[in-house]
Amino acid sequence: RLESEFELVEERGLSMKTEIEAIDLKVEEIKRRQKELAEKIAELKEHDHSSVCPLCSGPIVDRAAVIDRYRAEIDSLAEETNALSARKDDLEFERIELRRKY
């Protein structure tokens, strides 16, 4: 019985480790996406004198709306990052408790 309990704790610990690693990868991807969006905003602002979009070479009608949409996406990604970080913190705390039990 004690051995099977240890196996369950070990299995849960490994599962949590995998989830933490997945969260880290997701956060890295989100940060990369945020950086891309920030670069697009900078490019749009840098070429604000042109009626041609510097990103797609098409006509740009409402540059401010495009920038606002990119900013909103950056904010949404930041919220997702915060939620993932909170989940990771919870998992790490639980892992510490499992290690203590083990």
PDB file of N, CA and C in Angstrom:
ATOM      1  N   ARG A   1       0.827  -1.193   0.000  1.00  0.00           N
ATOM      2  CA  ARG A   1       0.000   0.000   0.000  1.00  0.00           C
ATOM      3  C   ARG A   1       0.864   1.247   0.000  1.00  0.00           C
ATOM      4  N   LEU A   2       1.875   1.309   0.850  1.00  0.00           N
ATOM      5  CA  LEU A   2       2.752   2.466   0.924  1.00  0.00           C
ATOM      6  C   LEU A   2       3.501   2.662  -0.392  1.00  0.00           C
ATOM      7  N   GLU A   3       3.920   1.537  -0.981  1.00  0.00           N
ATOM      8  CA  GLU A   3       4.633   1.615  -2.254  1.00  0.00           C
ATOM      9  C   GLU A   3       3.747   2.189  -3.355  1.00  0.00           C
ATOM     10  N   SER A   4       2.489   1.769  -3.398  1.00  0.00           N
ATOM     11  CA  SER A   4       1.582   2.290  -4.432  1.00  0.00           C
ATOM     12  C   SER A   4       1.293   3.771  -4.204  1.00  0.00           C
ATOM     13  N   GLU A   5       1.256   4.191  -2.930  1.00  0.00           N
ATOM     14  CA  GLU A   5       1.056   5.618  -2.640  1.00  0.00           C
ATOM     15  C   GLU A   5       2.247   6.422  -3.149  1.00  0.00           C
ATOM     16  N   PHE A   6       3.460   5.912  -2.944  1.00  0.00           N
ATOM     17  CA  PHE A   6       4.649   6.585  -3.459  1.00  0.00           C
ATOM     18  C   PHE A   6       4.623   6.660  -4.986  1.00  0.00           C
ATOM     19  N   GLU A   7       4.166   5.585  -5.611  1.00  0.00           N
ATOM     20  CA  GLU A   7       4.076   5.572  -7.070  1.00  0.00           C
ATOM     21  C   GLU A   7       3.099   6.622  -7.571  1.00  0.00           C
ATOM     22  N   LEU A   8       1.970   6.768  -6.873  1.00  0.00           N
ATOM     23  CA  LEU A   8       0.992   7.783  -7.252  1.00  0.00           C
ATOM     24  C   LEU A   8       1.563   9.193  -7.090  1.00  0.00           C
ATOM     25  N   VAL A   9       2.274   9.412  -5.991  1.00  0.00           N
ATOM     26  CA  VAL A   9       2.889  10.718  -5.754  1.00  0.00           C
ATOM     27  C   VAL A   9       3.929  11.002  -6.832  1.00  0.00           C
ATOM     28  N   GLU A  10       4.733  10.004  -7.141  1.00  0.00           N
ATOM     29  CA  GLU A  10       5.765  10.167  -8.170  1.00  0.00           C
ATOM     30  C   GLU A  10       5.131  10.443  -9.533  1.00  0.00           C
ATOM     31  N   GLU A  11       4.082   9.712  -9.854  1.00  0.00           N
ATOM     32  CA  GLU A  11       3.379   9.896 -11.126  1.00  0.00           C
ATOM     33  C   GLU A  11       2.795  11.306 -11.222  1.00  0.00           C
ATOM     34  N   ARG A  12       2.187  11.763 -10.146  1.00  0.00           N
ATOM     35  CA  ARG A  12       1.608  13.112 -10.116  1.00  0.00           C
ATOM     36  C   ARG A  12       2.715  14.158 -10.258  1.00  0.00           C
ATOM     37  N   GLY A  13       3.835  13.938  -9.606  1.00  0.00           N
ATOM     38  CA  GLY A  13       4.962  14.856  -9.711  1.00  0.00           C
ATOM     39  C   GLY A  13       5.481  14.962 -11.132  1.00  0.00           C
ATOM     40  N   LEU A  14       5.588  13.831 -11.804  1.00  0.00           N
ATOM     41  CA  LEU A  14       6.050  13.834 -13.203  1.00  0.00           C
ATOM     42  C   LEU A  14       5.038  14.529 -14.115  1.00  0.00           C
ATOM     43  N   SER A  15       3.774  14.291 -13.849  1.00  0.00           N
ATOM     44  CA  SER A  15       2.714  14.942 -14.620  1.00  0.00           C
ATOM     45  C   SER A  15       2.781  16.458 -14.445  1.00  0.00           C
ATOM     46  N   MET A  16       2.999  16.888 -13.218  1.00  0.00           N
ATOM     47  CA  MET A  16       3.090  18.320 -12.944  1.00  0.00           C
ATOM     48  C   MET A  16       4.321  18.923 -13.609  1.00  0.00           C
ATOM     49  N   LYS A  17       5.425  18.204 -13.594  1.00  0.00           N
ATOM     50  CA  LYS A  17       6.661  18.666 -14.256  1.00  0.00           C
ATOM     51  C   LYS A  17       6.402  18.878 -15.741  1.00  0.00           C
ATOM     52  N   THR A  18       5.717  17.945 -16.359  1.00  0.00           N
ATOM     53  CA  THR A  18       5.384  18.051 -17.779  1.00  0.00           C
ATOM     54  C   THR A  18       4.496  19.264 -18.042  1.00  0.00           C
ATOM     55  N   GLU A  19       3.509  19.472 -17.173  1.00  0.00           N
ATOM     56  CA  GLU A  19       2.615  20.623 -17.345  1.00  0.00           C
ATOM     57  C   GLU A  19       3.369  21.942 -17.159  1.00  0.00           C
ATOM     58  N   ILE A  20       4.266  21.995 -16.198  1.00  0.00           N
ATOM     59  CA  ILE A  20       5.073  23.204 -15.978  1.00  0.00           C
ATOM     60  C   ILE A  20       5.928  23.502 -17.208  1.00  0.00           C
ATOM     61  N   GLU A  21       6.533  22.471 -17.774  1.00  0.00           N
ATOM     62  CA  GLU A  21       7.350  22.658 -18.975  1.00  0.00           C
ATOM     63  C   GLU A  21       6.500  23.152 -20.141  1.00  0.00           C
ATOM     64  N   ALA A  22       5.280  22.624 -20.267  1.00  0.00           N
ATOM     65  CA  ALA A  22       4.374  23.064 -21.333  1.00  0.00           C
ATOM     66  C   ALA A  22       3.984  24.530 -21.134  1.00  0.00           C
ATOM     67  N   ILE A  23       3.766  24.917 -19.898  1.00  0.00           N
ATOM     68  CA  ILE A  23       3.436  26.312 -19.602  1.00  0.00           C
ATOM     69  C   ILE A  23       4.603  27.212 -19.993  1.00  0.00           C
ATOM     70  N   ASP A  24       5.821  26.803 -19.647  1.00  0.00           N
ATOM     71  CA  ASP A  24       7.002  27.598 -19.998  1.00  0.00           C
ATOM     72  C   ASP A  24       7.106  27.795 -21.513  1.00  0.00           C
ATOM     73  N   LEU A  25       6.851  26.745 -22.267  1.00  0.00           N
ATOM     74  CA  LEU A  25       6.899  26.841 -23.726  1.00  0.00           C
ATOM     75  C   LEU A  25       5.814  27.779 -24.252  1.00  0.00           C
ATOM     76  N   LYS A  26       4.625  27.673 -23.697  1.00  0.00           N
ATOM     77  CA  LYS A  26       3.509  28.528 -24.112  1.00  0.00           C
ATOM     78  C   LYS A  26       3.822  29.993 -23.809  1.00  0.00           C
ATOM     79  N   VAL A  27       4.384  30.267 -22.639  1.00  0.00           N
ATOM     80  CA  VAL A  27       4.733  31.645 -22.274  1.00  0.00           C
ATOM     81  C   VAL A  27       5.795  32.194 -23.233  1.00  0.00           C
ATOM     82  N   GLU A  28       6.773  31.370 -23.584  1.00  0.00           N
ATOM     83  CA  GLU A  28       7.795  31.793 -24.550  1.00  0.00           C
ATOM     84  C   GLU A  28       7.149  32.154 -25.884  1.00  0.00           C
ATOM     85  N   GLU A  29       6.228  31.330 -26.338  1.00  0.00           N
ATOM     86  CA  GLU A  29       5.525  31.581 -27.604  1.00  0.00           C
ATOM     87  C   GLU A  29       4.714  32.875 -27.516  1.00  0.00           C
ATOM     88  N   ILE A  30       4.046  33.087 -26.414  1.00  0.00           N
ATOM     89  CA  ILE A  30       3.249  34.305 -26.235  1.00  0.00           C
ATOM     90  C   ILE A  30       4.156  35.533 -26.277  1.00  0.00           C
ATOM     91  N   LYS A  31       5.290  35.461 -25.589  1.00  0.00           N
ATOM     92  CA  LYS A  31       6.223  36.593 -25.583  1.00  0.00           C
ATOM     93  C   LYS A  31       6.756  36.881 -26.982  1.00  0.00           C
ATOM     94  N   ARG A  32       7.012  35.821 -27.745  1.00  0.00           N
ATOM     95  CA  ARG A  32       7.465  35.994 -29.122  1.00  0.00           C
ATOM     96  C   ARG A  32       6.389  36.705 -29.943  1.00  0.00           C
ATOM     97  N   ARG A  33       5.146  36.285 -29.747  1.00  0.00           N
ATOM     98  CA  ARG A  33       4.018  36.898 -30.469  1.00  0.00           C
ATOM     99  C   ARG A  33       3.848  38.363 -30.059  1.00  0.00           C
ATOM    100  N   GLN A  34       3.972  38.648 -28.776  1.00  0.00           N
ATOM    101  CA  GLN A  34       3.869  40.036 -28.315  1.00  0.00           C
ATOM    102  C   GLN A  34       4.962  40.903 -28.942  1.00  0.00           C
ATOM    103  N   LYS A  35       6.167  40.359 -29.030  1.00  0.00           N
ATOM    104  CA  LYS A  35       7.281  41.097 -29.634  1.00  0.00           C
ATOM    105  C   LYS A  35       6.996  41.383 -31.105  1.00  0.00           C
ATOM    106  N   GLU A  36       6.481  40.386 -31.820  1.00  0.00           N
ATOM    107  CA  GLU A  36       6.124  40.571 -33.235  1.00  0.00           C
ATOM    108  C   GLU A  36       5.089  41.683 -33.386  1.00  0.00           C
ATOM    109  N   LEU A  37       4.081  41.661 -32.540  1.00  0.00           N
ATOM    110  CA  LEU A  37       3.032  42.681 -32.610  1.00  0.00           C
ATOM    111  C   LEU A  37       3.590  44.063 -32.302  1.00  0.00           C
ATOM    112  N   ALA A  38       4.461  44.158 -31.310  1.00  0.00           N
ATOM    113  CA  ALA A  38       5.082  45.441 -30.965  1.00  0.00           C
ATOM    114  C   ALA A  38       5.923  45.958 -32.137  1.00  0.00           C
ATOM    115  N   GLU A  39       6.607  45.055 -32.824  1.00  0.00           N
ATOM    116  CA  GLU A  39       7.403  45.442 -33.988  1.00  0.00           C
ATOM    117  C   GLU A  39       6.498  45.938 -35.123  1.00  0.00           C
ATOM    118  N   LYS A  40       5.357  45.299 -35.295  1.00  0.00           N
ATOM    119  CA  LYS A  40       4.406  45.747 -36.319  1.00  0.00           C
ATOM    120  C   LYS A  40       3.880  47.138 -35.990  1.00  0.00           C
ATOM    121  N   ILE A  41       3.571  47.368 -34.714  1.00  0.00           N
ATOM    122  CA  ILE A  41       3.100  48.692 -34.298  1.00  0.00           C
ATOM    123  C   ILE A  41       4.168  49.738 -34.591  1.00  0.00           C
ATOM    124  N   ALA A  42       5.416  49.427 -34.241  1.00  0.00           N
ATOM    125  CA  ALA A  42       6.518  50.362 -34.480  1.00  0.00           C
ATOM    126  C   ALA A  42       6.674  50.663 -35.970  1.00  0.00           C
ATOM    127  N   GLU A  43       6.548  49.645 -36.790  1.00  0.00           N
ATOM    128  CA  GLU A  43       6.681  49.846 -38.229  1.00  0.00           C
ATOM    129  C   GLU A  43       5.529  50.684 -38.777  1.00  0.00           C
ATOM    130  N   LEU A  44       4.331  50.431 -38.295  1.00  0.00           N
ATOM    131  CA  LEU A  44       3.182  51.225 -38.728  1.00  0.00           C
ATOM    132  C   LEU A  44       3.362  52.692 -38.335  1.00  0.00           C
ATOM    133  N   LYS A  45       3.855  52.928 -37.135  1.00  0.00           N
ATOM    134  CA  LYS A  45       4.075  54.307 -36.678  1.00  0.00           C
ATOM    135  C   LYS A  45       5.205  54.978 -37.457  1.00  0.00           C
ATOM    136  N   GLU A  46       6.238  54.208 -37.752  1.00  0.00           N
ATOM    137  CA  GLU A  46       7.390  54.750 -38.480  1.00  0.00           C
ATOM    138  C   GLU A  46       7.008  55.207 -39.888  1.00  0.00           C
ATOM    139  N   HIS A  47       6.040  54.542 -40.478  1.00  0.00           N
ATOM    140  CA  HIS A  47       5.613  54.864 -41.848  1.00  0.00           C
ATOM    141  C   HIS A  47       4.242  55.534 -41.846  1.00  0.00           C
ATOM    142  N   ASP A  48       3.981  56.352 -40.857  1.00  0.00           N
ATOM    143  CA  ASP A  48       2.653  56.967 -40.735  1.00  0.00           C
ATOM    144  C   ASP A  48       2.352  57.988 -41.816  1.00  0.00           C
ATOM    145  N   HIS A  49       3.350  58.380 -42.574  1.00  0.00           N
ATOM    146  CA  HIS A  49       3.170  59.347 -43.660  1.00  0.00           C
ATOM    147  C   HIS A  49       2.679  58.693 -44.956  1.00  0.00           C
ATOM    148  N   SER A  50       2.726  57.376 -45.001  1.00  0.00           N
ATOM    149  CA  SER A  50       2.389  56.652 -46.226  1.00  0.00           C
ATOM    150  C   SER A  50       0.970  56.087 -46.170  1.00  0.00           C
ATOM    151  N   SER A  51       0.305  56.049 -47.333  1.00  0.00           N
ATOM    152  CA  SER A  51      -1.034  55.453 -47.407  1.00  0.00           C
ATOM    153  C   SER A  51      -0.959  53.957 -47.716  1.00  0.00           C
ATOM    154  N   VAL A  52       0.262  53.451 -47.861  1.00  0.00           N
ATOM    155  CA  VAL A  52       0.484  52.032 -48.131  1.00  0.00           C
ATOM    156  C   VAL A  52       0.969  51.371 -46.835  1.00  0.00           C
ATOM    157  N   CYS A  53       0.376  50.264 -46.521  1.00  0.00           N
ATOM    158  CA  CYS A  53       0.751  49.532 -45.317  1.00  0.00           C
ATOM    159  C   CYS A  53       2.169  48.970 -45.464  1.00  0.00           C
ATOM    160  N   PRO A  54       3.057  49.261 -44.525  1.00  0.00           N
ATOM    161  CA  PRO A  54       4.419  48.736 -44.623  1.00  0.00           C
ATOM    162  C   PRO A  54       4.496  47.230 -44.340  1.00  0.00           C
ATOM    163  N   LEU A  55       3.434  46.673 -43.804  1.00  0.00           N
ATOM    164  CA  LEU A  55       3.427  45.251 -43.464  1.00  0.00           C
ATOM    165  C   LEU A  55       2.960  44.371 -44.616  1.00  0.00           C
ATOM    166  N   CYS A  56       1.937  44.865 -45.336  1.00  0.00           N
ATOM    167  CA  CYS A  56       1.365  44.015 -46.395  1.00  0.00           C
ATOM    168  C   CYS A  56       1.401  44.676 -47.778  1.00  0.00           C
ATOM    169  N   SER A  57       1.852  45.919 -47.834  1.00  0.00           N
ATOM    170  CA  SER A  57       1.950  46.698 -49.073  1.00  0.00           C
ATOM    171  C   SER A  57       0.596  47.036 -49.686  1.00  0.00           C
ATOM    172  N   GLY A  58      -0.473  46.819 -48.934  1.00  0.00           N
ATOM    173  CA  GLY A  58      -1.807  47.183 -49.396  1.00  0.00           C
ATOM    174  C   GLY A  58      -2.167  48.573 -48.900  1.00  0.00           C
ATOM    175  N   PRO A  59      -3.266  49.112 -49.420  1.00  0.00           N
ATOM    176  CA  PRO A  59      -3.683  50.433 -48.934  1.00  0.00           C
ATOM    177  C   PRO A  59      -4.138  50.329 -47.476  1.00  0.00           C
ATOM    178  N   ILE A  60      -3.787  51.329 -46.705  1.00  0.00           N
ATOM    179  CA  ILE A  60      -4.185  51.326 -45.299  1.00  0.00           C
ATOM    180  C   ILE A  60      -5.178  52.453 -45.081  1.00  0.00           C
ATOM    181  N   VAL A  61      -6.338  52.084 -44.575  1.00  0.00           N
ATOM    182  CA  VAL A  61      -7.422  53.044 -44.412  1.00  0.00           C
ATOM    183  C   VAL A  61      -7.396  53.659 -43.016  1.00  0.00           C
ATOM    184  N   ASP A  62      -7.312  52.826 -41.990  1.00  0.00           N
ATOM    185  CA  ASP A  62      -7.363  53.321 -40.612  1.00  0.00           C
ATOM    186  C   ASP A  62      -6.207  52.736 -39.812  1.00  0.00           C
ATOM    187  N   ARG A  63      -5.072  53.384 -39.933  1.00  0.00           N
ATOM    188  CA  ARG A  63      -3.845  52.933 -39.269  1.00  0.00           C
ATOM    189  C   ARG A  63      -4.055  52.832 -37.745  1.00  0.00           C
ATOM    190  N   ALA A  64      -4.734  53.816 -37.165  1.00  0.00           N
ATOM    191  CA  ALA A  64      -4.963  53.835 -35.715  1.00  0.00           C
ATOM    192  C   ALA A  64      -5.762  52.609 -35.271  1.00  0.00           C
ATOM    193  N   ALA A  65      -6.745  52.209 -36.071  1.00  0.00           N
ATOM    194  CA  ALA A  65      -7.550  51.036 -35.730  1.00  0.00           C
ATOM    195  C   ALA A  65      -6.698  49.769 -35.770  1.00  0.00           C
ATOM    196  N   VAL A  66      -5.804  49.686 -36.730  1.00  0.00           N
ATOM    197  CA  VAL A  66      -4.926  48.520 -36.827  1.00  0.00           C
ATOM    198  C   VAL A  66      -4.002  48.477 -35.612  1.00  0.00           C
ATOM    199  N   ILE A  67      -3.434  49.622 -35.266  1.00  0.00           N
ATOM    200  CA  ILE A  67      -2.550  49.697 -34.102  1.00  0.00           C
ATOM    201  C   ILE A  67      -3.320  49.334 -32.834  1.00  0.00           C
ATOM    202  N   ASP A  68      -4.534  49.855 -32.698  1.00  0.00           N
ATOM    203  CA  ASP A  68      -5.365  49.527 -31.527  1.00  0.00           C
ATOM    204  C   ASP A  68      -5.656  48.035 -31.448  1.00  0.00           C
ATOM    205  N   ARG A  69      -5.910  47.416 -32.595  1.00  0.00           N
ATOM    206  CA  ARG A  69      -6.183  45.972 -32.619  1.00  0.00           C
ATOM    207  C   ARG A  69      -4.940  45.190 -32.170  1.00  0.00           C
ATOM    208  N   TYR A  70      -3.769  45.608 -32.638  1.00  0.00           N
ATOM    209  CA  TYR A  70      -2.531  44.945 -32.217  1.00  0.00           C
ATOM    210  C   TYR A  70      -2.292  45.135 -30.717  1.00  0.00           C
ATOM    211  N   ARG A  71      -2.549  46.338 -30.218  1.00  0.00           N
ATOM    212  CA  ARG A  71      -2.376  46.600 -28.781  1.00  0.00           C
ATOM    213  C   ARG A  71      -3.343  45.750 -27.954  1.00  0.00           C
ATOM    214  N   ALA A  72      -4.570  45.631 -28.421  1.00  0.00           N
ATOM    215  CA  ALA A  72      -5.560  44.808 -27.715  1.00  0.00           C
ATOM    216  C   ALA A  72      -5.106  43.349 -27.676  1.00  0.00           C
ATOM    217  N   GLU A  73      -4.523  42.882 -28.771  1.00  0.00           N
ATOM    218  CA  GLU A  73      -4.034  41.502 -28.799  1.00  0.00           C
ATOM    219  C   GLU A  73      -2.859  41.332 -27.835  1.00  0.00           C
ATOM    220  N   ILE A  74      -1.971  42.330 -27.776  1.00  0.00           N
ATOM    221  CA  ILE A  74      -0.854  42.281 -26.830  1.00  0.00           C
ATOM    222  C   ILE A  74      -1.390  42.207 -25.406  1.00  0.00           C
ATOM    223  N   ASP A  75      -2.397  43.019 -25.096  1.00  0.00           N
ATOM    224  CA  ASP A  75      -3.002  43.007 -23.751  1.00  0.00           C
ATOM    225  C   ASP A  75      -3.642  41.655 -23.437  1.00  0.00           C
ATOM    226  N   SER A  76      -4.332  41.101 -24.412  1.00  0.00           N
ATOM    227  CA  SER A  76      -4.970  39.799 -24.229  1.00  0.00           C
ATOM    228  C   SER A  76      -3.917  38.715 -23.969  1.00  0.00           C
ATOM    229  N   LEU A  77      -2.826  38.785 -24.705  1.00  0.00           N
ATOM    230  CA  LEU A  77      -1.742  37.826 -24.504  1.00  0.00           C
ATOM    231  C   LEU A  77      -1.102  38.000 -23.130  1.00  0.00           C
ATOM    232  N   ALA A  78      -1.021  39.239 -22.645  1.00  0.00           N
ATOM    233  CA  ALA A  78      -0.479  39.488 -21.305  1.00  0.00           C
ATOM    234  C   ALA A  78      -1.378  38.855 -20.243  1.00  0.00           C
ATOM    235  N   GLU A  79      -2.685  38.961 -20.434  1.00  0.00           N
ATOM    236  CA  GLU A  79      -3.619  38.322 -19.499  1.00  0.00           C
ATOM    237  C   GLU A  79      -3.437  36.805 -19.507  1.00  0.00           C
ATOM    238  N   GLU A  80      -3.254  36.252 -20.681  1.00  0.00           N
ATOM    239  CA  GLU A  80      -3.042  34.804 -20.792  1.00  0.00           C
ATOM    240  C   GLU A  80      -1.741  34.408 -20.082  1.00  0.00           C
ATOM    241  N   THR A  81      -0.705  35.211 -20.261  1.00  0.00           N
ATOM    242  CA  THR A  81       0.570  34.954 -19.587  1.00  0.00           C
ATOM    243  C   THR A  81       0.396  34.990 -18.077  1.00  0.00           C
ATOM    244  N   ASN A  82      -0.356  35.960 -17.578  1.00  0.00           N
ATOM    245  CA  ASN A  82      -0.599  36.061 -16.137  1.00  0.00           C
ATOM    246  C   ASN A  82      -1.327  34.822 -15.615  1.00  0.00           C
ATOM    247  N   ALA A  83      -2.328  34.365 -16.356  1.00  0.00           N
ATOM    248  CA  ALA A  83      -3.074  33.173 -15.951  1.00  0.00           C
ATOM    249  C   ALA A  83      -2.164  31.939 -15.951  1.00  0.00           C
ATOM    250  N   LEU A  84      -1.331  31.818 -16.974  1.00  0.00           N
ATOM    251  CA  LEU A  84      -0.410  30.685 -17.045  1.00  0.00           C
ATOM    252  C   LEU A  84       0.608  30.740 -15.909  1.00  0.00           C
ATOM    253  N   SER A  85       1.091  31.927 -15.591  1.00  0.00           N
ATOM    254  CA  SER A  85       2.053  32.080 -14.493  1.00  0.00           C
ATOM    255  C   SER A  85       1.425  31.701 -13.162  1.00  0.00           C
ATOM    256  N   ALA A  86       0.175  32.081 -12.965  1.00  0.00           N
ATOM    257  CA  ALA A  86      -0.529  31.717 -11.731  1.00  0.00           C
ATOM    258  C   ALA A  86      -0.684  30.201 -11.644  1.00  0.00           C
ATOM    259  N   ARG A  87      -1.036  29.574 -12.759  1.00  0.00           N
ATOM    260  CA  ARG A  87      -1.172  28.111 -12.788  1.00  0.00           C
ATOM    261  C   ARG A  87       0.169  27.447 -12.479  1.00  0.00           C
ATOM    262  N   LYS A  88       1.236  27.993 -13.070  1.00  0.00           N
ATOM    263  CA  LYS A  88       2.570  27.438 -12.836  1.00  0.00           C
ATOM    264  C   LYS A  88       2.945  27.564 -11.366  1.00  0.00           C
ATOM    265  N   ASP A  89       2.663  28.714 -10.764  1.00  0.00           N
ATOM    266  CA  ASP A  89       2.950  28.906  -9.339  1.00  0.00           C
ATOM    267  C   ASP A  89       2.219  27.870  -8.490  1.00  0.00           C
ATOM    268  N   ASP A  90       0.939  27.644  -8.819  1.00  0.00           N
ATOM    269  CA  ASP A  90       0.152  26.643  -8.091  1.00  0.00           C
ATOM    270  C   ASP A  90       0.774  25.249  -8.222  1.00  0.00           C
ATOM    271  N   LEU A  91       1.173  24.913  -9.442  1.00  0.00           N
ATOM    272  CA  LEU A  91       1.773  23.601  -9.680  1.00  0.00           C
ATOM    273  C   LEU A  91       3.093  23.451  -8.928  1.00  0.00           C
ATOM    274  N   GLU A  92       3.901  24.502  -8.947  1.00  0.00           N
ATOM    275  CA  GLU A  92       5.186  24.422  -8.263  1.00  0.00           C
ATOM    276  C   GLU A  92       5.001  24.286  -6.750  1.00  0.00           C
ATOM    277  N   PHE A  93       4.017  24.993  -6.209  1.00  0.00           N
ATOM    278  CA  PHE A  93       3.736  24.858  -4.781  1.00  0.00           C
ATOM    279  C   PHE A  93       3.287  23.423  -4.474  1.00  0.00           C
ATOM    280  N   GLU A  94       2.395  22.901  -5.311  1.00  0.00           N
ATOM    281  CA  GLU A  94       1.911  21.534  -5.106  1.00  0.00           C
ATOM    282  C   GLU A  94       3.054  20.530  -5.229  1.00  0.00           C
ATOM    283  N   ARG A  95       3.970  20.787  -6.150  1.00  0.00           N
ATOM    284  CA  ARG A  95       5.128  19.899  -6.323  1.00  0.00           C
ATOM    285  C   ARG A  95       6.005  19.889  -5.083  1.00  0.00           C
ATOM    286  N   ILE A  96       6.190  21.059  -4.501  1.00  0.00           N
ATOM    287  CA  ILE A  96       6.980  21.145  -3.264  1.00  0.00           C
ATOM    288  C   ILE A  96       6.317  20.310  -2.171  1.00  0.00           C
ATOM    289  N   GLU A  97       4.992  20.410  -2.092  1.00  0.00           N
ATOM    290  CA  GLU A  97       4.259  19.627  -1.097  1.00  0.00           C
ATOM    291  C   GLU A  97       4.381  18.135  -1.368  1.00  0.00           C
ATOM    292  N   LEU A  98       4.332  17.760  -2.627  1.00  0.00           N
ATOM    293  CA  LEU A  98       4.496  16.330  -2.974  1.00  0.00           C
ATOM    294  C   LEU A  98       5.883  15.849  -2.602  1.00  0.00           C
ATOM    295  N   ARG A  99       6.896  16.667  -2.877  1.00  0.00           N
ATOM    296  CA  ARG A  99       8.269  16.281  -2.538  1.00  0.00           C
ATOM    297  C   ARG A  99       8.402  16.085  -1.030  1.00  0.00           C
ATOM    298  N   ARG A 100       7.763  16.993  -0.285  1.00  0.00           N
ATOM    299  CA  ARG A 100       7.820  16.909   1.175  1.00  0.00           C
ATOM    300  C   ARG A 100       7.184  15.586   1.624  1.00  0.00           C
ATOM    301  N   LYS A 101       6.050  15.231   1.013  1.00  0.00           N
ATOM    302  CA  LYS A 101       5.381  13.964   1.372  1.00  0.00           C
ATOM    303  C   LYS A 101       6.240  12.768   0.991  1.00  0.00           C
ATOM    304  N   TYR A 102       6.828  12.849  -0.186  1.00  0.00           N
ATOM    305  CA  TYR A 102       7.603  11.742  -0.723  1.00  0.00           C
ATOM    306  C   TYR A 102       8.786  11.462   0.174  1.00  0.00           C
TER     307      TYR A 102
END
